[in-house]
């Protein structure tokens, strides 16, 4: 109905016609705003916040977020903790030799070397 009136000049229309045009346009804007909001909501969904499978996320997957809280201690040995190391002895009880029989790269025999 609006398209038919587009050819007329708005200044030539009476007040009732202008009000009906405004009401029609307001309804069109309301419908379009609802459709835009629906499409925005669809775009915002991913496998983290909906029932969609992870394969539907495409290439822009959300970064994984751990539910565990960050540790309060620093990494590695803690201050004040005495370490325990196996000390070297002058006279070992037993000696084991682990000889390489073949080169790991070219598989050449190394038993004679």
Protein backbone atom coordinates (compact mmCIF):
# COMPACT_ATOMS: atom_id res chain seq x y z
CA UNK A 1 0.00 0.00 0.00
CA UNK A 2 2.94 2.32 0.72
CA UNK A 3 4.38 1.70 -2.74
CA UNK A 4 1.24 3.08 -4.41
CA UNK A 5 1.50 6.28 -2.44
CA UNK A 6 5.24 6.73 -3.07
CA UNK A 7 4.50 8.48 -6.35
CA UNK A 8 2.31 11.08 -4.64
CA UNK A 9 3.91 13.96 -2.85
CA UNK A 10 3.50 13.75 0.88
CA UNK A 11 2.48 17.40 1.05
CA UNK A 12 -0.59 16.69 -1.05
CA UNK A 13 -1.93 13.99 1.31
CA UNK A 14 -4.51 14.68 4.01
CA UNK A 15 -3.80 14.06 7.70
CA UNK A 16 -5.62 10.70 7.81
CA UNK A 17 -3.53 9.32 4.92
CA UNK A 18 -0.31 10.49 6.55
CA UNK A 19 -1.26 8.87 9.85
CA UNK A 20 -2.03 5.55 8.12
CA UNK A 21 1.36 5.68 6.32
CA UNK A 22 3.13 6.36 9.62
CA UNK A 23 1.33 3.46 11.31
CA UNK A 24 2.20 1.09 8.44
CA UNK A 25 5.84 2.13 8.56
CA UNK A 26 5.93 1.72 12.34
CA UNK A 27 4.63 -1.84 11.97
CA UNK A 28 7.24 -2.61 9.28
CA UNK A 29 10.00 -1.29 11.58
CA UNK A 30 8.69 -3.40 14.49
CA UNK A 31 8.67 -6.59 12.35
CA UNK A 32 12.16 -5.86 11.00
CA UNK A 33 13.53 -5.14 14.49
CA UNK A 34 12.18 -8.48 15.72
CA UNK A 35 13.75 -10.29 12.75
CA UNK A 36 17.09 -8.54 13.29
CA UNK A 37 17.07 -9.53 16.97
CA UNK A 38 16.27 -13.15 16.04
CA UNK A 39 19.18 -13.25 13.58
CA UNK A 40 21.56 -11.66 16.10
CA UNK A 41 20.56 -14.27 18.67
CA UNK A 42 21.24 -17.04 16.14
CA UNK A 43 24.69 -15.65 15.35
CA UNK A 44 25.57 -15.45 19.04
CA UNK A 45 24.92 -19.16 19.62
CA UNK A 46 27.73 -21.70 19.66
CA UNK A 47 28.31 -25.09 21.23
CA UNK A 48 29.18 -23.49 24.57
CA UNK A 49 25.87 -21.66 25.11
CA UNK A 50 23.35 -23.81 23.24
CA UNK A 51 22.59 -27.38 22.28
CA UNK A 52 24.53 -27.11 19.02
CA UNK A 53 27.26 -29.70 18.40
CA UNK A 54 30.90 -28.45 18.49
CA UNK A 55 31.31 -29.26 14.80
CA UNK A 56 28.83 -26.51 13.96
CA UNK A 57 31.09 -23.83 15.49
CA UNK A 58 33.10 -23.59 12.29
CA UNK A 59 36.55 -22.01 12.30
CA UNK A 60 35.90 -19.47 15.03
CA UNK A 61 35.66 -21.77 18.01
CA UNK A 62 35.61 -20.18 21.45
CA UNK A 63 38.73 -20.46 23.53
CA UNK A 64 38.54 -23.28 26.04
CA UNK A 65 37.90 -22.00 29.55
CA UNK A 66 38.90 -24.07 32.55
CA UNK A 67 36.52 -24.17 35.48
CA UNK A 68 39.43 -24.67 37.89
CA UNK A 69 40.66 -21.62 39.74
CA UNK A 70 44.23 -20.54 39.17
CA UNK A 71 46.82 -21.88 41.60
CA UNK A 72 48.09 -19.59 44.29
CA UNK A 73 51.50 -21.22 44.41
CA UNK A 74 54.31 -20.67 41.91
CA UNK A 75 55.23 -23.45 39.49
CA UNK A 76 57.96 -25.94 40.34
CA UNK A 77 59.42 -26.67 43.75
CA UNK A 78 58.06 -24.53 46.55
CA UNK A 79 60.24 -22.32 48.76
CA UNK A 80 61.42 -24.08 51.89
CA UNK A 81 60.98 -27.58 50.44
CA UNK A 82 64.15 -29.64 50.61
CA UNK A 83 64.61 -31.68 47.45
CA UNK A 84 65.46 -35.37 47.40
CA UNK A 85 68.03 -36.43 44.84
CA UNK A 86 69.62 -39.84 44.34
CA UNK A 87 73.26 -39.16 45.16
CA UNK A 88 76.14 -40.63 43.15
CA UNK A 89 78.25 -43.24 44.96
CA UNK A 90 81.89 -44.14 44.46
CA UNK A 91 81.29 -47.89 44.49
CA UNK A 92 77.95 -48.86 42.85
CA UNK A 93 76.38 -52.21 43.70
CA UNK A 94 75.60 -53.06 40.10
CA UNK A 95 76.52 -51.62 36.67
CA UNK A 96 74.27 -52.09 33.67
CA UNK A 97 75.43 -51.31 30.13
CA UNK A 98 72.86 -50.36 27.52
CA UNK A 99 74.66 -50.74 24.23
CA UNK A 100 73.31 -49.37 20.96
CA UNK A 101 73.30 -52.09 18.33
CA UNK A 102 72.10 -50.01 15.34
CA UNK A 103 72.08 -46.35 14.36
CA UNK A 104 68.60 -44.95 15.03
CA UNK A 105 68.74 -42.88 11.80
CA UNK A 106 70.34 -45.07 9.14
CA UNK A 107 69.99 -48.49 10.89
CA UNK A 108 73.68 -49.30 10.27
CA UNK A 109 75.08 -52.07 12.51
CA UNK A 110 77.14 -50.59 15.39
CA UNK A 111 78.05 -53.81 17.28
CA UNK A 112 81.61 -53.83 15.93
CA UNK A 113 82.28 -50.19 16.83
